[in-house]
Amino acid sequence: MNINRAFCAQLRQVRLRHTMANPLIPTEMLLSAWLRHHLFVLGFDKLKLHAYKKLSSLISQGGGGVIKNVVFDMSLFVKREWNNNLDLLQHVAPDLTLNLNMLDFKWFYISVGYMMLTQPESKVELLTDKVVNFYLDLGGGHLLLDAPIGNTEKQILKLAAKYYKSVKINYRALYDPNLHPRFITVGEGTSAVTICLPDLPKINSKHLLAKALLHKELYRAVFLVDHPFCQSLMRQNISINRSALNVIRYDLLFLDGLGDFFLATESSEFLYKFRSLKPYSEDASFGKKTYTLLKTILATNTLLLRLAVAYNLHTALDDNIVSELLNDSYIPYISSGMVSNDPLVMKYEEEFVADYFEQYVGALYLEQPEVAKEWINILFERILFLISDSYKVIHRRRKLLASHYDYRAWSVDVIGRSI
């Protein structure tokens, strides 16, 4: 079953019913607790994603970490302003499909979520621009979008671009499924199931691909004295200090954050489609808790680690100095196929490798957003459609037989533990 094709017909009908400018959200949607929750999460995730992209010019002022903090602070700003100040309401109200009597800030995000279902995404981007500009005009973040970049920073980034374009990449490991079959295994023993993964979409820009494959923490490797990039800096008499390191670190951090926000948004959108299709639409147990559980599983480092390893994202950059530091200092157990007795060590290595998947997703979304959406949706589809009759639980309700799916048992099979 192709979930996107099946859902398109339903979505077209929704859009046909709501083509008037700024229609109010239908009452039947607002009466459903899980739908209200979904629209809130979708609107919240989508606004953060677009805000993160818009604030990309802040990379030089602190990278993805600083931009993330600004985005989250902006979310708190929306809550404060929506509840206490009519200025924001008046600033963005013309773009909202919102009953203005609903003054709780959650209705703002619910309205944005509804816009995603019924109107072009460009409208959400324009709304995001308004919110971000309003936030910055009032001094939010204390940062400037047009802050100048210093000459030394420009030199470092120019030399980094040369490195990205010259470093070797194992394209076969990434893109040849015959060399490395793409699959992950869910469950254990006789109940184990193999999920065949779609081919990894190609990133066309060599520069962007190399950045996606250089882990955000391995900026340290390119500053080691034997590394060609470090030597190029020394030839230009550029000091190897914390400021120089941060230029590369901040640049790499952006892709990781973008991938994180994109995956959160796509999982929100996909779970709405998933919940709308039979047999899941007939499962009365599927509510806010199930929605949150499935969304959490799709974002766990355990799952993202398996996907990163299946696609060889952590080994495709053919740079011996980077690889040596990675394997010896960051993921010695994963790289050797061993397991540490210390669960915190394994948790760290798992999170480290999972970052590769987020960085690649962020880079792909930056270059080819529609390709990224299609690929991630296929991945989610194949993982979630494991929820089949084998997870169905039959029970008696009001003297009648009823059934629901054991989503928690599925989640344990997917990541190997309960959460």
Protein backbone atom coordinates (compact mmCIF):
# COMPACT_ATOMS: atom_id res chain seq x y z
CA MET A 1 0.00 0.00 0.00
CA ASN A 2 1.28 3.49 -0.82
CA ILE A 3 0.09 5.66 2.04
CA ASN A 4 0.69 8.93 0.16
CA ARG A 5 -1.39 7.92 -2.87
CA ALA A 6 -4.24 6.66 -0.72
CA PHE A 7 -4.22 9.79 1.40
CA CYS A 8 -4.08 12.23 -1.53
CA ALA A 9 -7.70 11.51 -2.49
CA GLN A 10 -8.85 12.25 1.07
CA LEU A 11 -6.75 15.42 1.25
CA ARG A 12 -8.10 16.72 -2.09
CA GLN A 13 -11.63 16.43 -0.73
CA VAL A 14 -10.64 18.40 2.39
CA ARG A 15 -9.08 21.15 0.27
CA LEU A 16 -12.13 21.35 -2.01
CA ARG A 17 -14.35 21.91 1.01
CA HIS A 18 -12.11 24.67 2.36
CA THR A 19 -11.05 26.82 -0.60
CA MET A 20 -12.56 30.02 0.83
CA ALA A 21 -10.00 32.52 2.14
CA ASN A 22 -9.07 31.84 5.77
CA PRO A 23 -11.89 29.40 6.68
CA LEU A 24 -12.38 28.54 10.32
CA ILE A 25 -11.25 25.12 11.44
CA PRO A 26 -14.19 22.69 11.12
CA THR A 27 -15.92 21.96 14.41
CA GLU A 28 -15.64 18.20 13.91
CA MET A 29 -11.85 18.49 13.93
CA LEU A 30 -11.81 20.61 17.07
CA LEU A 31 -14.03 18.15 18.94
CA SER A 32 -11.43 15.40 18.55
CA ALA A 33 -8.77 15.58 21.29
CA TRP A 34 -6.22 13.69 19.22
CA LEU A 35 -6.83 15.85 16.13
CA ARG A 36 -6.42 19.03 18.14
CA HIS A 37 -3.19 17.62 19.55
CA HIS A 38 -2.00 16.63 16.07
CA LEU A 39 -2.72 20.06 14.60
CA PHE A 40 -0.91 21.71 17.51
CA VAL A 41 2.19 19.51 17.13
CA LEU A 42 2.19 19.86 13.33
CA GLY A 43 1.90 23.64 13.52
CA PHE A 44 4.54 23.85 16.25
CA ASP A 45 6.99 21.64 14.32
CA LYS A 46 6.41 23.33 10.97
CA LEU A 47 6.87 26.84 12.32
CA LYS A 48 10.14 25.81 14.03
CA LEU A 49 11.44 24.23 10.81
CA HIS A 50 10.78 27.31 8.70
CA ALA A 51 12.13 29.63 11.41
CA TYR A 52 15.32 27.56 11.65
CA LYS A 53 15.84 27.85 7.88
CA LYS A 54 15.11 31.57 7.88
CA LEU A 55 17.66 32.12 10.66
CA SER A 56 20.45 30.32 8.80
CA SER A 57 22.36 33.60 8.55
CA LEU A 58 23.04 33.27 12.28
CA ILE A 59 25.43 30.36 11.64
CA SER A 60 28.48 32.56 12.15
CA GLN A 61 27.12 33.74 15.53
CA GLY A 62 26.92 30.30 17.08
CA GLY A 63 25.84 27.73 14.53
CA GLY A 64 22.91 25.37 14.72
CA GLY A 65 22.99 25.33 18.52
CA VAL A 66 22.41 29.06 18.79
CA ILE A 67 19.76 28.99 16.06
CA LYS A 68 17.95 26.19 17.90
CA ASN A 69 17.99 28.24 21.10
CA VAL A 70 16.62 31.26 19.24
CA VAL A 71 13.85 29.13 17.69
CA PHE A 72 12.83 27.73 21.07
CA ASP A 73 12.97 31.20 22.64
CA MET A 74 10.76 32.43 19.80
CA SER A 75 8.27 29.67 20.69
CA LEU A 76 8.15 30.97 24.28
CA PHE A 77 7.81 34.49 22.89
CA VAL A 78 4.72 33.43 20.91
CA LYS A 79 3.20 31.99 24.08
CA ARG A 80 3.91 35.15 26.09
CA GLU A 81 2.73 37.55 23.42
CA TRP A 82 -0.36 35.55 22.50
CA ASN A 83 -1.54 35.41 26.08
CA ASN A 84 -0.55 38.91 27.18
CA ASN A 85 -0.26 41.20 24.17
CA LEU A 86 -2.69 41.75 21.31
CA ASP A 87 0.09 43.05 19.04
CA LEU A 88 1.11 39.60 17.83
CA LEU A 89 -2.52 38.60 17.32
CA GLN A 90 -3.15 41.68 15.19
CA HIS A 91 0.16 41.17 13.36
CA VAL A 92 -0.56 37.67 12.11
CA ALA A 93 -4.36 37.26 12.40
CA PRO A 94 -5.10 37.99 8.70
CA ASP A 95 -3.13 34.86 7.77
CA LEU A 96 -4.81 32.55 10.26
CA THR A 97 -7.71 30.15 9.92
CA LEU A 98 -8.63 30.99 13.49
CA ASN A 99 -11.60 31.98 15.55
CA LEU A 100 -10.18 35.08 17.26
CA ASN A 101 -12.14 34.32 20.43
CA MET A 102 -9.71 31.45 21.02
CA LEU A 103 -6.94 33.37 22.76
CA ASP A 104 -4.92 30.45 24.19
CA PHE A 105 -1.57 30.33 22.36
CA LYS A 106 -2.13 26.67 21.45
CA TRP A 107 -4.83 27.77 19.01
CA PHE A 108 -2.18 29.70 17.10
CA TYR A 109 -0.24 26.50 16.42
CA ILE A 110 -3.45 24.53 15.81
CA SER A 111 -4.32 27.08 13.14
CA VAL A 112 -0.87 26.76 11.56
CA GLY A 113 -1.31 22.98 11.53
CA TYR A 114 -4.67 23.36 9.80
CA MET A 115 -3.06 25.67 7.23
CA MET A 116 -0.66 22.82 6.42
CA LEU A 117 -3.59 20.55 5.58
CA THR A 118 -5.60 22.99 3.49
CA GLN A 119 -3.32 25.65 2.01
CA PRO A 120 0.03 25.90 0.20
CA GLU A 121 3.07 25.58 2.42
CA SER A 122 4.22 28.95 1.10
CA LYS A 123 1.56 30.56 3.29
CA VAL A 124 3.13 29.01 6.38
CA GLU A 125 6.53 30.31 5.24
CA LEU A 126 5.12 33.84 4.91
CA LEU A 127 3.50 33.55 8.33
CA THR A 128 6.81 32.35 9.80
CA ASP A 129 8.57 35.36 8.28
CA LYS A 130 6.09 37.65 10.02
CA VAL A 131 6.50 35.95 13.40
CA VAL A 132 10.32 35.87 13.18
CA ASN A 133 10.51 39.52 12.12
CA PHE A 134 8.10 40.55 14.88
CA TYR A 135 10.21 38.60 17.40
CA LEU A 136 13.46 40.19 16.20
CA ASP A 137 11.96 43.69 16.04
CA LEU A 138 11.17 43.41 19.74
CA GLY A 139 14.76 42.43 20.53
CA GLY A 140 14.34 38.67 20.56
CA GLY A 141 17.59 36.71 20.59
CA HIS A 142 19.69 39.91 20.70
CA LEU A 143 21.19 38.83 17.36
CA LEU A 144 21.37 40.44 13.93
CA LEU A 145 20.39 38.55 10.78
CA ASP A 146 22.71 40.71 8.72
CA ALA A 147 25.75 40.62 11.03
CA PRO A 148 28.93 40.95 8.93
CA ILE A 149 31.34 38.03 8.50
CA GLY A 150 34.99 38.76 9.27
CA ASN A 151 37.76 38.34 6.72
CA THR A 152 39.42 35.53 8.67
CA GLU A 153 36.14 33.64 8.84
CA LYS A 154 35.67 34.09 5.09
CA GLN A 155 39.16 32.68 4.48
CA ILE A 156 38.51 29.67 6.71
CA LEU A 157 35.20 28.89 4.99
CA LYS A 158 36.81 29.29 1.56
CA LEU A 159 39.56 26.81 2.49
CA ALA A 160 36.95 24.48 3.99
CA ALA A 161 35.05 24.58 0.69
CA LYS A 162 38.21 23.47 -1.11
CA TYR A 163 38.56 20.58 1.33
CA TYR A 164 34.94 19.50 0.88
CA LYS A 165 35.33 19.51 -2.89
CA SER A 166 38.61 17.58 -2.85
CA VAL A 167 38.05 14.97 -0.11
CA LYS A 168 37.33 11.47 -1.37
CA ILE A 169 33.89 9.95 -0.84
CA ASN A 170 32.97 6.29 -1.15
CA TYR A 171 30.02 6.75 -3.48
CA ARG A 172 29.50 3.01 -3.92
CA ALA A 173 29.08 2.51 -0.19
CA LEU A 174 26.39 5.18 -0.21
CA TYR A 175 24.53 4.60 -3.43
CA ASP A 176 25.15 1.06 -4.71
CA PRO A 177 22.54 -1.23 -3.07
CA ASN A 178 24.10 -4.28 -4.72
CA LEU A 179 27.34 -3.66 -2.86
CA HIS A 180 25.60 -3.03 0.46
CA PRO A 181 21.98 -4.28 0.72
CA ARG A 182 19.80 -1.78 2.57
CA PHE A 183 17.79 -3.25 5.41
CA ILE A 184 17.22 -3.16 9.15
CA THR A 185 15.94 -5.99 11.32
CA VAL A 186 13.11 -5.50 13.80
CA GLY A 187 12.40 -7.95 16.61
CA GLU A 188 14.39 -10.98 17.70
CA GLY A 189 14.55 -14.70 17.06
CA THR A 190 11.81 -16.32 15.03
CA SER A 191 9.67 -13.17 15.18
CA ALA A 192 12.38 -10.98 13.62
CA VAL A 193 11.31 -9.08 10.51
CA THR A 194 13.57 -7.52 7.88
CA ILE A 195 12.63 -4.10 6.53
CA CYS A 196 14.01 -3.38 3.07
CA LEU A 197 14.96 0.28 2.85
CA PRO A 198 14.56 2.55 -0.18
CA ASP A 199 17.71 3.63 -1.98
CA LEU A 200 19.54 6.57 -0.47
CA PRO A 201 18.76 9.71 -2.53
CA LYS A 202 21.87 11.31 -3.99
CA ILE A 203 23.07 14.71 -2.86
CA ASN A 204 24.37 16.36 -6.03
CA SER A 205 26.60 19.01 -4.49
CA LYS A 206 29.98 17.51 -3.55
CA HIS A 207 30.50 20.36 -1.11
CA LEU A 208 27.18 19.72 0.65
CA LEU A 209 27.63 15.94 0.62
CA ALA A 210 31.06 16.12 2.26
CA LYS A 211 29.69 18.41 4.97
CA ALA A 212 26.84 15.97 5.59
CA LEU A 213 29.32 13.11 6.04
CA LEU A 214 31.69 14.97 8.37
CA HIS A 215 30.23 14.59 11.86
CA LYS A 216 29.63 17.88 13.64
CA GLU A 217 32.04 16.84 16.43
CA LEU A 218 34.81 15.76 14.05
CA TYR A 219 35.72 19.32 13.16
CA ARG A 220 38.56 18.60 15.59
CA ALA A 221 40.05 16.11 13.12
CA VAL A 222 40.53 18.63 10.33
CA PHE A 223 42.46 20.88 12.72
CA LEU A 224 45.05 18.21 13.56
CA VAL A 225 48.46 19.34 12.28
CA ASP A 226 48.79 16.49 9.78
CA HIS A 227 45.43 17.18 8.14
CA PRO A 228 45.54 18.93 4.73
CA PHE A 229 42.93 21.48 5.82
CA CYS A 230 44.95 22.49 8.89
CA GLN A 231 48.07 22.77 6.75
CA SER A 232 46.22 25.03 4.31
CA LEU A 233 45.31 27.31 7.22
CA MET A 234 48.92 27.49 8.38
CA ARG A 235 50.09 28.36 4.88
CA GLN A 236 47.72 31.34 5.02
CA ASN A 237 49.06 32.28 8.49
CA ILE A 238 45.65 31.70 10.06
CA SER A 239 45.92 30.97 13.78
CA ILE A 240 44.64 27.57 14.90
CA ASN A 241 42.64 28.74 17.89
CA ARG A 242 39.17 28.37 19.35
CA SER A 243 37.74 31.03 17.03
CA ALA A 244 39.00 29.16 13.97
CA LEU A 245 37.62 25.84 15.25
CA ASN A 246 34.24 27.40 15.90
CA VAL A 247 33.91 28.60 12.31
CA ILE A 248 33.84 24.97 11.09
CA ARG A 249 31.95 23.65 14.10
CA TYR A 250 29.14 26.19 13.76
CA ASP A 251 28.87 25.51 10.03
CA LEU A 252 28.48 21.75 10.59
CA LEU A 253 25.99 22.15 13.43
CA PHE A 254 23.44 23.74 11.11
CA LEU A 255 22.77 20.59 9.05
CA ASP A 256 22.20 18.48 12.17
CA GLY A 257 19.62 20.92 13.51
CA LEU A 258 17.88 21.24 10.15
CA GLY A 259 17.59 17.46 9.84
CA ASP A 260 16.23 17.23 13.38
CA PHE A 261 13.47 19.79 12.75
CA PHE A 262 12.64 18.32 9.33
CA LEU A 263 12.23 14.79 10.72
CA ALA A 264 9.99 16.08 13.51
CA THR A 265 7.74 17.87 11.01
CA GLU A 266 7.55 14.94 8.60
CA SER A 267 6.69 12.47 11.36
CA SER A 268 3.84 14.76 12.46
CA GLU A 269 2.46 14.97 8.92
CA PHE A 270 2.90 11.28 8.24
CA LEU A 271 1.20 10.12 11.44
CA TYR A 272 -1.91 12.08 10.50
CA LYS A 273 -2.04 10.23 7.18
CA PHE A 274 -1.33 6.94 8.93
CA ARG A 275 -4.10 7.47 11.49
CA SER A 276 -6.57 8.34 8.70
CA LEU A 277 -6.20 5.01 6.88
CA LYS A 278 -7.83 1.69 7.63
CA PRO A 279 -7.43 -0.36 9.76
CA TYR A 280 -5.81 2.21 12.08
CA SER A 281 -8.67 4.70 11.66
CA GLU A 282 -10.97 2.07 13.21
CA ASP A 283 -8.76 1.60 16.28
CA ALA A 284 -10.43 3.50 19.11
CA SER A 285 -7.30 3.16 21.25
CA PHE A 286 -5.31 5.40 18.88
CA GLY A 287 -5.26 8.76 20.64
CA LYS A 288 -2.78 11.33 21.91
CA LYS A 289 -0.68 8.77 23.81
CA THR A 290 -0.32 6.48 20.80
CA TYR A 291 0.41 9.43 18.51
CA THR A 292 3.14 10.64 20.89
CA LEU A 293 4.59 7.14 21.27
CA LEU A 294 4.87 6.56 17.52
CA LYS A 295 6.33 10.03 16.95
CA THR A 296 8.90 9.40 19.69
CA ILE A 297 9.94 6.04 18.23
CA LEU A 298 10.47 7.54 14.76
CA ALA A 299 12.92 10.03 16.31
CA THR A 300 14.85 7.72 18.66
CA ASN A 301 18.61 7.56 18.32
CA THR A 302 18.32 3.77 18.27
CA LEU A 303 16.31 3.81 15.04
CA LEU A 304 18.33 6.62 13.45
CA LEU A 305 21.54 4.75 14.30
CA ARG A 306 20.30 1.67 12.45
CA LEU A 307 19.37 3.73 9.43
CA ALA A 308 22.72 5.56 9.42
CA VAL A 309 24.62 2.25 9.58
CA ALA A 310 22.44 0.63 6.91
CA TYR A 311 23.25 3.51 4.54
CA ASN A 312 26.96 3.61 5.57
CA LEU A 313 26.73 7.29 6.37
CA HIS A 314 29.36 7.08 9.12
CA THR A 315 32.00 5.41 6.93
CA ALA A 316 31.53 7.04 3.51
CA LEU A 317 33.90 9.99 4.01
CA ASP A 318 37.24 8.65 2.79
CA ASP A 319 39.51 10.71 5.04
CA ASN A 320 41.97 8.59 7.04
CA ILE A 321 42.60 11.18 9.75
CA VAL A 322 38.89 11.76 10.31
CA SER A 323 38.16 8.01 10.28
CA GLU A 324 40.92 7.23 12.76
CA LEU A 325 39.69 9.82 15.25
CA LEU A 326 36.10 8.64 14.78
CA ASN A 327 36.85 4.96 15.37
CA ASP A 328 39.42 5.36 18.13
CA SER A 329 37.92 8.17 20.19
CA TYR A 330 34.19 8.43 19.49
CA ILE A 331 32.69 5.07 18.49
CA PRO A 332 35.28 2.38 19.35
CA TYR A 333 32.63 -0.20 20.27
CA ILE A 334 30.31 0.34 17.32
CA SER A 335 33.21 0.43 14.85
CA SER A 336 34.59 -2.86 16.21
CA GLY A 337 31.20 -4.56 16.54
CA MET A 338 31.57 -4.88 20.31
CA VAL A 339 29.29 -3.85 23.18
CA SER A 340 30.44 -1.93 26.25
CA ASN A 341 29.37 -3.02 29.72
CA ASP A 342 28.65 0.63 30.45
CA PRO A 343 25.20 1.53 29.05
CA LEU A 344 26.09 5.23 29.07
CA VAL A 345 28.98 4.56 26.69
CA MET A 346 26.72 2.74 24.25
CA LYS A 347 24.09 5.46 24.56
CA TYR A 348 26.71 8.07 23.64
CA GLU A 349 27.96 6.10 20.64
CA GLU A 350 24.39 5.45 19.50
CA GLU A 351 23.56 9.15 19.63
CA PHE A 352 26.82 10.00 17.87
CA VAL A 353 26.14 7.77 14.86
CA ALA A 354 22.46 8.81 14.76
CA ASP A 355 23.69 12.36 14.13
CA TYR A 356 24.98 11.24 10.72
CA PHE A 357 21.44 10.43 9.64
CA GLU A 358 20.14 13.82 10.78
CA GLN A 359 22.99 15.63 9.02
CA TYR A 360 22.36 13.78 5.76
CA VAL A 361 18.63 14.42 5.97
CA GLY A 362 19.28 18.11 6.64
CA ALA A 363 21.59 18.39 3.63
CA LEU A 364 19.17 16.55 1.34
CA TYR A 365 16.27 18.72 2.49
CA LEU A 366 18.35 21.84 1.84
CA GLU A 367 19.15 20.75 -1.73
CA GLN A 368 16.07 18.74 -2.74
CA PRO A 369 13.19 19.24 -0.27
CA GLU A 370 10.61 17.23 -2.23
CA VAL A 371 13.00 14.30 -2.70
CA ALA A 372 13.75 14.36 1.02
CA LYS A 373 10.03 14.33 1.88
CA GLU A 374 9.28 11.42 -0.44
CA TRP A 375 12.21 9.34 0.84
CA ILE A 376 11.46 9.93 4.53
CA ASN A 377 7.79 9.14 3.99
CA ILE A 378 8.70 5.81 2.37
CA LEU A 379 10.94 5.01 5.34
CA PHE A 380 8.20 5.87 7.84
CA GLU A 381 5.68 3.86 5.82
CA ARG A 382 7.77 0.69 5.81
CA ILE A 383 8.52 0.96 9.52
CA LEU A 384 4.97 1.78 10.68
CA PHE A 385 3.25 -0.73 8.41
CA LEU A 386 4.85 -3.45 10.51
CA ILE A 387 1.94 -2.74 12.84
CA SER A 388 -0.22 -5.52 11.46
CA ASP A 389 -2.39 -8.37 12.68
CA SER A 390 0.51 -9.86 14.64
CA TYR A 391 0.14 -6.90 17.04
CA LYS A 392 -3.66 -7.04 17.20
CA VAL A 393 -5.18 -7.68 20.62
CA ILE A 394 -8.74 -9.04 20.86
CA HIS A 395 -10.76 -8.11 23.92
CA ARG A 396 -14.37 -8.05 25.07
CA ARG A 397 -16.07 -4.68 25.37
CA ARG A 398 -19.68 -4.32 26.45
CA LYS A 399 -20.33 -7.98 25.67
CA LEU A 400 -18.92 -7.52 22.16
CA LEU A 401 -15.57 -8.58 20.79
CA ALA A 402 -13.33 -5.65 19.91
CA SER A 403 -9.69 -5.26 18.98
CA HIS A 404 -6.86 -2.77 19.06
CA TYR A 405 -3.18 -2.77 18.17
CA ASP A 406 -0.47 -3.15 20.78
CA TYR A 407 1.62 -0.18 19.69
CA ARG A 408 3.88 -0.48 22.71
CA ALA A 409 4.86 -4.04 21.79
CA TRP A 410 5.67 -2.80 18.28
CA SER A 411 7.83 -0.02 19.73
CA VAL A 412 9.80 -2.51 21.84
CA ASP A 413 10.46 -4.61 18.73
CA VAL A 414 11.64 -1.56 16.76
CA ILE A 415 14.14 -0.17 19.27
CA GLY A 416 14.71 -3.18 21.54
CA ARG A 417 13.43 -1.56 24.72
CA SER A 418 10.38 0.15 26.18
CA ILE A 419 10.22 3.91 26.63
